[in-house]
Each structure stands twice: as structure tokens, then as C-alpha cells.
Protein backbone atom coordinates (compact mmCIF):
# COMPACT_ATOMS: atom_id res chain seq x y z
CA UNK A 1 -43.23 -42.88 184.85
CA UNK A 2 -39.94 -41.79 183.44
CA UNK A 3 -36.43 -43.34 183.41
CA UNK A 4 -33.89 -40.85 184.69
CA UNK A 5 -30.38 -40.84 186.27
CA UNK A 6 -29.48 -39.74 189.76
CA UNK A 7 -28.64 -36.11 188.94
CA UNK A 8 -31.91 -35.67 187.20
CA UNK A 9 -33.63 -37.26 190.20
CA UNK A 10 -32.01 -34.61 192.46
CA UNK A 11 -33.38 -31.93 190.13
CA UNK A 12 -36.80 -33.63 190.15
CA UNK A 13 -36.96 -33.73 193.95
CA UNK A 14 -35.74 -29.98 194.14
CA UNK A 15 -38.35 -28.87 191.85
CA UNK A 16 -41.16 -30.70 193.51
CA UNK A 17 -40.15 -29.06 196.77
CA UNK A 18 -39.92 -25.63 195.34
CA UNK A 19 -43.40 -25.91 193.84
CA UNK A 20 -44.83 -27.53 197.18
CA UNK A 21 -43.35 -25.30 199.88
CA UNK A 22 -42.75 -21.41 199.35
CA UNK A 23 -40.22 -21.63 202.21
CA UNK A 24 -37.93 -23.74 200.11
CA UNK A 25 -34.89 -21.74 198.70
CA UNK A 26 -31.89 -22.83 196.92
CA UNK A 27 -28.42 -21.13 197.05
CA UNK A 28 -25.02 -22.03 195.79
CA UNK A 29 -22.29 -21.12 193.11
CA UNK A 30 -23.71 -21.12 189.59
CA UNK A 31 -26.69 -23.07 190.35
CA UNK A 32 -29.05 -20.54 188.79
CA UNK A 33 -28.11 -19.44 185.29
CA UNK A 34 -25.78 -22.16 184.64
CA UNK A 35 -27.68 -25.11 186.40
CA UNK A 36 -24.90 -26.10 188.73
CA UNK A 37 -21.67 -27.65 187.85
CA UNK A 38 -23.25 -31.15 187.34
CA UNK A 39 -26.66 -29.42 185.98
CA UNK A 40 -28.42 -30.65 189.18
CA UNK A 41 -30.31 -27.48 189.20
CA UNK A 42 -30.78 -26.86 185.63
CA UNK A 43 -33.92 -24.92 184.60
CA UNK A 44 -34.97 -24.04 188.21
CA UNK A 45 -34.14 -20.53 188.30
CA UNK A 46 -36.04 -20.05 184.98
CA UNK A 47 -39.04 -21.66 186.51
CA UNK A 48 -38.98 -20.40 190.10
CA UNK A 49 -37.12 -17.14 189.78
CA UNK A 50 -33.72 -15.64 190.89
CA UNK A 51 -35.29 -15.19 194.45
CA UNK A 52 -35.64 -18.69 195.25
CA UNK A 53 -32.80 -20.11 193.29
CA UNK A 54 -29.93 -17.98 194.26
CA UNK A 55 -26.55 -17.59 192.54
CA UNK A 56 -23.98 -16.78 195.12
CA UNK A 57 -20.16 -15.76 195.22
CA UNK A 58 -17.51 -18.35 195.53
CA UNK A 59 -17.62 -18.32 199.29
CA UNK A 60 -18.66 -21.51 201.03
CA UNK A 61 -18.44 -19.98 204.45
CA UNK A 62 -20.82 -17.31 203.27
CA UNK A 63 -23.26 -19.86 201.63
CA UNK A 64 -23.65 -22.08 204.61
CA UNK A 65 -23.59 -19.01 207.11
CA UNK A 66 -26.39 -17.41 204.99
CA UNK A 67 -28.35 -20.63 204.90
CA UNK A 68 -28.24 -21.30 208.61
CA UNK A 69 -29.65 -17.62 209.07
CA UNK A 70 -32.56 -18.61 206.53
CA UNK A 71 -33.31 -21.73 208.36
CA UNK A 72 -33.25 -20.09 211.99
CA UNK A 73 -35.77 -17.66 210.65
CA UNK A 74 -38.18 -20.18 209.02
CA UNK A 75 -37.13 -20.74 205.45
CA UNK A 76 -36.07 -24.19 204.36
CA UNK A 77 -32.66 -23.54 202.38
CA UNK A 78 -30.89 -26.27 200.37
CA UNK A 79 -27.24 -25.04 199.82
CA UNK A 80 -25.12 -26.48 197.20
CA UNK A 81 -21.22 -26.93 197.61
CA UNK A 82 -19.86 -27.54 194.34
CA UNK A 83 -17.51 -30.51 195.56
CA UNK A 84 -17.25 -31.94 199.01
CA UNK A 85 -13.58 -30.87 198.97
CA UNK A 86 -14.84 -27.30 199.03
CA UNK A 87 -16.86 -27.89 202.18
CA UNK A 88 -14.21 -27.28 204.67
CA UNK A 89 -14.44 -23.47 204.77
CA UNK A 90 -17.93 -24.10 205.90
CA UNK A 91 -17.14 -26.61 208.85
CA UNK A 92 -17.18 -23.92 211.48
CA UNK A 93 -20.72 -22.96 210.66
CA UNK A 94 -21.83 -26.66 210.43
CA UNK A 95 -20.23 -27.75 213.60
CA UNK A 96 -20.65 -24.67 215.79
CA UNK A 97 -23.99 -23.34 214.49
CA UNK A 98 -26.13 -25.66 212.35
CA UNK A 99 -25.53 -28.63 214.46
CA UNK A 100 -26.03 -26.94 217.82
CA UNK A 101 -28.87 -24.39 217.05
CA UNK A 102 -31.74 -26.47 218.48
CA UNK A 103 -29.77 -27.34 221.60
CA UNK A 104 -28.36 -24.09 222.11
CA UNK A 105 -31.64 -22.28 222.14
CA UNK A 106 -33.30 -25.06 224.02
CA UNK A 107 -35.63 -25.75 221.13
CA UNK A 108 -36.74 -22.12 220.54
CA UNK A 109 -34.92 -22.35 217.11
CA UNK A 110 -34.60 -25.08 214.62
CA UNK A 111 -32.22 -25.44 211.54
CA UNK A 112 -34.16 -27.13 208.67
CA UNK A 113 -31.29 -26.88 206.46
CA UNK A 114 -29.99 -29.20 203.62
CA UNK A 115 -26.37 -29.04 202.40
CA UNK A 116 -25.93 -31.03 199.20
CA UNK A 117 -22.46 -31.77 197.82
CA UNK A 118 -21.08 -34.19 195.23
CA UNK A 119 -18.45 -36.56 196.90
CA UNK A 120 -16.32 -39.59 196.04
CA UNK A 121 -13.90 -40.57 193.32
CA UNK A 122 -14.19 -42.23 189.97
CA UNK A 123 -14.75 -39.25 187.67
CA UNK A 124 -11.10 -38.49 186.82
CA UNK A 125 -11.08 -35.44 188.85
CA UNK A 126 -8.30 -33.89 191.14
CA UNK A 127 -8.22 -35.25 194.60
CA UNK A 128 -10.08 -32.19 196.21
CA UNK A 129 -12.89 -33.12 194.03
CA UNK A 130 -13.09 -36.73 195.06
CA UNK A 131 -13.44 -36.45 198.88
CA UNK A 132 -15.39 -38.85 201.10
CA UNK A 133 -16.03 -36.84 204.27
CA UNK A 134 -18.97 -38.85 205.69
CA UNK A 135 -17.13 -40.23 208.73
CA UNK A 136 -16.09 -36.58 209.81
CA UNK A 137 -19.52 -35.14 209.38
CA UNK A 138 -21.02 -38.39 211.08
CA UNK A 139 -18.76 -37.62 214.06
CA UNK A 140 -20.57 -34.20 214.61
CA UNK A 141 -23.57 -34.49 217.30
CA UNK A 142 -26.70 -32.68 215.58
CA UNK A 143 -26.03 -33.51 211.90
CA UNK A 144 -27.83 -36.11 209.96
CA UNK A 145 -25.55 -37.64 207.09
CA UNK A 146 -27.48 -39.13 204.07
CA UNK A 147 -25.93 -40.73 200.94
CA UNK A 148 -28.25 -42.04 198.16
CA UNK A 149 -27.17 -45.11 195.86
CA UNK A 150 -29.75 -44.87 193.18
CA UNK A 151 -32.04 -42.23 191.38
CA UNK A 152 -35.10 -43.48 193.28
CA UNK A 153 -33.27 -43.28 196.58
CA UNK A 154 -31.97 -39.97 195.79
CA UNK A 155 -35.44 -38.64 194.90
CA UNK A 156 -37.03 -40.06 197.97
CA UNK A 157 -34.41 -39.29 200.44
CA UNK A 158 -33.96 -35.71 199.25
CA UNK A 159 -37.56 -35.00 199.75
CA UNK A 160 -37.27 -36.37 203.37
CA UNK A 161 -34.14 -34.28 204.02
CA UNK A 162 -35.68 -30.99 202.76
CA UNK A 163 -38.78 -31.78 205.10
CA UNK A 164 -36.71 -32.63 208.10
CA UNK A 165 -36.61 -30.01 210.76
CA UNK A 166 -33.00 -30.49 211.51
CA UNK A 167 -29.73 -30.13 209.45
CA UNK A 168 -29.05 -32.71 206.88
CA UNK A 169 -25.73 -33.31 204.95
CA UNK A 170 -26.81 -34.92 201.65
CA UNK A 171 -23.81 -36.36 199.94
CA UNK A 172 -24.36 -37.24 196.26
CA UNK A 173 -21.70 -39.72 194.72
CA UNK A 174 -20.66 -38.21 191.58
CA UNK A 175 -19.81 -41.50 189.97
CA UNK A 176 -23.54 -42.50 190.30
CA UNK A 177 -24.80 -39.25 188.75
CA UNK A 178 -25.10 -40.65 185.27
CA UNK A 179 -24.08 -44.20 185.82
CA UNK A 180 -27.50 -45.91 185.05
CA UNK A 181 -31.40 -44.81 184.69
CA UNK A 182 -34.14 -45.97 186.83
CA UNK A 183 -37.96 -45.45 186.77
CA UNK A 184 -38.89 -42.72 189.13
CA UNK A 185 -42.43 -41.49 189.89
CA UNK A 186 -42.51 -37.71 190.64
CA UNK A 187 -45.27 -38.23 193.41
CA UNK A 188 -43.67 -36.47 196.36
CA UNK A 189 -43.39 -39.51 198.22
CA UNK A 190 -40.38 -39.32 200.65
CA UNK A 191 -38.34 -42.19 201.69
CA UNK A 192 -37.77 -42.82 205.42
CA UNK A 193 -34.57 -41.47 206.85
CA UNK A 194 -32.61 -43.35 209.47
CA UNK A 195 -33.30 -46.85 208.18
CA UNK A 196 -31.29 -49.16 205.87
CA UNK A 197 -32.51 -50.62 202.79
CA UNK A 198 -32.03 -54.39 202.10
CA UNK A 199 -31.49 -54.55 198.32
CA UNK A 200 -31.23 -58.50 198.08
CA UNK A 201 -31.71 -61.23 200.58
CA UNK A 202 -29.06 -63.92 201.53
CA UNK A 203 -28.39 -66.56 204.03
CA UNK A 204 -24.22 -66.96 203.69
CA UNK A 205 -23.01 -63.61 204.48
CA UNK A 206 -24.05 -59.78 204.64
CA UNK A 207 -22.56 -57.17 202.55
CA UNK A 208 -22.99 -53.64 203.88
CA UNK A 209 -22.14 -50.32 201.95
CA UNK A 210 -23.42 -47.10 200.85
CA UNK A 211 -23.44 -44.52 197.98
CA UNK A 212 -21.40 -45.41 194.80
CA UNK A 213 -19.80 -48.61 196.41
CA UNK A 214 -23.26 -50.32 196.16
CA UNK A 215 -22.44 -50.70 192.53
CA UNK A 216 -19.56 -52.86 192.97
CA UNK A 217 -20.88 -54.37 196.06
CA UNK A 218 -24.00 -55.67 194.10
CA UNK A 219 -21.59 -56.87 191.24
CA UNK A 220 -19.71 -58.88 193.86
CA UNK A 221 -22.98 -60.39 195.15
CA UNK A 222 -23.69 -61.59 191.52
CA UNK A 223 -20.15 -63.12 191.27
CA UNK A 224 -20.75 -64.86 194.62
CA UNK A 225 -24.09 -65.96 193.73
CA UNK A 226 -22.75 -67.70 190.52
CA UNK A 227 -20.39 -69.74 193.02
CA UNK A 228 -23.58 -70.75 195.01
CA UNK A 229 -22.88 -68.23 197.69
CA UNK A 230 -25.91 -66.11 199.04
CA UNK A 231 -25.03 -62.65 199.96
CA UNK A 232 -27.42 -60.15 201.54
CA UNK A 233 -26.76 -56.66 200.37
CA UNK A 234 -27.75 -53.78 202.73
CA UNK A 235 -27.57 -50.01 201.69
CA UNK A 236 -26.95 -47.95 204.79
CA UNK A 237 -28.38 -44.73 203.17
CA UNK A 238 -28.57 -42.72 206.35
CA UNK A 239 -25.17 -42.86 207.81
CA UNK A 240 -26.00 -41.00 210.99
CA UNK A 241 -28.05 -41.93 212.88
CA UNK A 242 -27.17 -45.43 211.81
CA UNK A 243 -29.90 -48.09 211.59
CA UNK A 244 -27.89 -50.75 213.49
CA UNK A 245 -30.75 -53.09 214.35
CA UNK A 246 -31.29 -53.93 210.69
CA UNK A 247 -27.50 -54.76 210.19
CA UNK A 248 -27.50 -56.84 213.52
CA UNK A 249 -30.74 -58.64 212.30
CA UNK A 250 -29.08 -59.71 208.85
CA UNK A 251 -25.73 -60.71 210.62
CA UNK A 252 -27.81 -62.81 213.23
CA UNK A 253 -28.91 -64.87 210.24
CA UNK A 254 -25.87 -65.03 208.01
CA UNK A 255 -23.05 -65.05 210.78
CA UNK A 256 -20.63 -63.01 208.56
CA UNK A 257 -20.22 -59.51 207.56
CA UNK A 258 -18.20 -57.53 204.87
CA UNK A 259 -18.25 -53.71 205.13
CA UNK A 260 -17.57 -51.79 201.76
CA UNK A 261 -16.75 -48.06 201.65
CA UNK A 262 -14.39 -45.93 199.38
CA UNK A 263 -13.35 -43.53 202.13
CA UNK A 264 -10.05 -44.09 203.85
CA UNK A 265 -9.74 -47.07 206.22
CA UNK A 266 -8.70 -45.58 209.49
CA UNK A 267 -11.68 -44.30 211.54
CA UNK A 268 -14.08 -44.76 208.67
CA UNK A 269 -17.60 -45.50 209.31
CA UNK A 270 -16.91 -49.17 208.57
CA UNK A 271 -14.87 -49.29 211.74
CA UNK A 272 -17.89 -47.83 213.60
CA UNK A 273 -20.16 -50.67 212.05
CA UNK A 274 -17.40 -53.35 212.92
CA UNK A 275 -17.26 -51.99 216.59
CA UNK A 276 -21.00 -52.01 216.89
CA UNK A 277 -21.20 -55.55 215.67
CA UNK A 278 -18.54 -56.52 218.36
CA UNK A 279 -20.38 -54.90 221.00
CA UNK A 280 -23.98 -56.08 220.23
CA UNK A 281 -23.66 -58.95 217.77
CA UNK A 282 -20.39 -60.62 218.77
CA UNK A 283 -22.14 -64.10 219.44
CA UNK A 284 -23.91 -64.09 216.04
CA UNK A 285 -20.60 -63.89 214.27
CA UNK A 286 -18.84 -67.11 212.75
CA UNK A 287 -15.89 -65.23 211.31
CA UNK A 288 -14.32 -61.80 211.91
CA UNK A 289 -15.75 -58.77 210.33
CA UNK A 290 -13.99 -57.74 206.96
CA UNK A 291 -13.48 -54.34 205.73
CA UNK A 292 -12.82 -53.31 202.19
CA UNK A 293 -12.21 -49.66 201.86
CA UNK A 294 -10.10 -46.88 200.34
CA UNK A 295 -6.50 -46.48 201.47
CA UNK A 296 -5.03 -43.98 204.21
CA UNK A 297 -3.78 -41.89 201.39
CA UNK A 298 -5.10 -38.82 199.43
CA UNK A 299 -7.22 -39.93 196.51
CA UNK A 300 -4.74 -40.41 193.62
CA UNK A 301 -5.09 -38.88 190.23
CA UNK A 302 -7.08 -40.42 187.53
CA UNK A 303 -4.65 -43.05 186.20
CA UNK A 304 -4.53 -44.70 189.78
CA UNK A 305 -8.00 -43.85 190.88
CA UNK A 306 -9.35 -47.19 190.26
CA UNK A 307 -6.36 -48.73 192.21
CA UNK A 308 -7.69 -46.76 195.10
CA UNK A 309 -11.36 -47.71 194.96
CA UNK A 310 -12.56 -50.86 196.33
CA UNK A 311 -13.06 -53.38 193.32
CA UNK A 312 -15.44 -56.26 192.88
CA UNK A 313 -12.31 -58.57 193.22
CA UNK A 314 -11.37 -57.10 196.48
CA UNK A 315 -14.95 -57.47 197.82
CA UNK A 316 -15.34 -61.16 196.56
CA UNK A 317 -11.86 -61.81 198.27
CA UNK A 318 -12.96 -60.45 201.50
CA UNK A 319 -16.27 -62.53 201.26
CA UNK A 320 -14.33 -65.62 200.67
CA UNK A 321 -12.04 -64.95 203.66
CA UNK A 322 -15.24 -64.80 206.03
CA UNK A 323 -16.53 -68.16 204.68
CA UNK A 324 -12.99 -69.83 205.11
CA UNK A 325 -12.83 -68.76 208.68
CA UNK A 326 -15.63 -70.91 209.92
């Protein structure tokens, strides 16, 4: 069992599926000879050949359009978009074709497609390299949206995404790529999609987050624990469809909820979770739901990046506010 980081876990999962299933094909800009901009595909073209790890032109529309055609004809393509800020030229294909193919053909054709893309801030990159587009993607019927928060989660969820018969947007938090290492067994065991993971139990409040923000959220839970406050931490992991029952069950026990995400506040997924709690869990709440989010601005350049990203201090302050309200 080896300790690896998140980007190495992505590579491990891709290699496992390439070896297991001849229908799996990777395509993207510089993923072959250069191993990708973050080296997530390093060594895979040398191992599996240029016919299965395909270097493409810089043309996101063509990458995703080609991948949809491959998927419709029985392959299992995994397309890489170098940064989520470059995803927008492919939105037409994703919304109008990938997400609708099964419905349009009344089930005659499926679209077992994975689109991988790095997302989020914290790496001192320009703003179009620091996007958090999960809410926009989750609003599209027919797309599943997944975001791992650790190497083990990345390995297991990517295996599940590749094996899924429908399109999956697999958003990889760049800040987590090399942040820490974790033991990951290359055993081909997929993790379940469409479920939240409870990372730590608690009785006083529920902290809900996903992706890179789990790092700050767990650190905030540690700060609160030192003050005698027991916080349950939930990793949403699959953002669409949302495993609301797990969140409702937790809030029924704790009575309080703080939702943390780095995407902009307005119409973010935190608002969807808060609205769902109001609809289905209002009588469990002892205090209003709090959201700790990015701001309704473009991600600033590197000097102000961490002013934008939710901090441990902001999460702890929101948690204390819920406790003061009851």
C-alpha cells in the first residue's frame, strides 16, 4: 500500500481502468507525451499507446464533441480539459448532447463519458484557472457532478465515474493535487456515487462542504473541538444528484448547519442545500443555516486569493453564530 497524493491517485485510477477495459480511451491537450499540465496522465501513453491516450489540438469544443461520439458508439472516453475556465467552449456539447443523449434516443444510446477538469483557486494562477463551475453544471439535467476531497476519494470515485453509463463531470480541486498524501490501495474498488461521506461525527452542529474546502472545514472542526464544541463534518462528494437524506439525518441530530464552499455565494450549491433544509428539515433547526462562501466577484489574482477563499476563521465564526442563536 503506497502513500500518494491526489493527482497520483487520479493517474492510478486511469491506469487501472485502461488496463481493465479496452473501451476506455483518454483524450485531451498534452495528456500523452507531456503527461498533462499537472502530470495526471504521466506515463500512460507510453504504457497504453497513442491510440488510447490521445493528444488533441487546443480545441475544447472538439475534445468534448469527439468524446460524446465515442461514448455513443460504445467506448468509454475520459476527456481532460486543462482548467475548468476552459470548459465553456464545450458547454453546448455537454448541455445539448451529452446530458440529453439517453433521453433524446429513448434509451437507445447512452453516453458513458467522463470529463475531468481541475477547478478552484489557491494555486496563484490567473482567474480563468481558478473557476468553481459546479453549480452551473449541477443545474443541467442529465449531468452527474463529482468532486473528490482526498487521494482515496479521488481514486474510488473516478473508477465509479468511468464505469457509470451516463456522463460525469469530474472536478478535481487543484489545491488538493499535492497538498497531502494518503494510503491508497490499487484494488479497483470503486466508491459509491450519489452519497455523502461523514468524515467525523458530532453532536452540536453539522459542517457541510466538498472539494478543497474540506481542508479548512476539518481544521475548523478541530478548533471548535478544542473549545468543547462537537462538529460533524460531511463531504458531499457527489454534488448532483445530492444525497440530501444524509445531511437531513445529521441536522436532525445536531440542530445546526454551516455550509462551506469556495464558489461565489449567489445561487451556489450552498443555497440549494440551505433551501432543501428549509423545505424538509426546518423543524430540526435550532438556528438559521449559515453559509461561508467565496464572494460574488471574479477570483482575484494571487495576492488577494486567500482573502477570497473561505478561511478557518470565517468557518469558526459562522459556527459560533449558529450556537449563539439558540
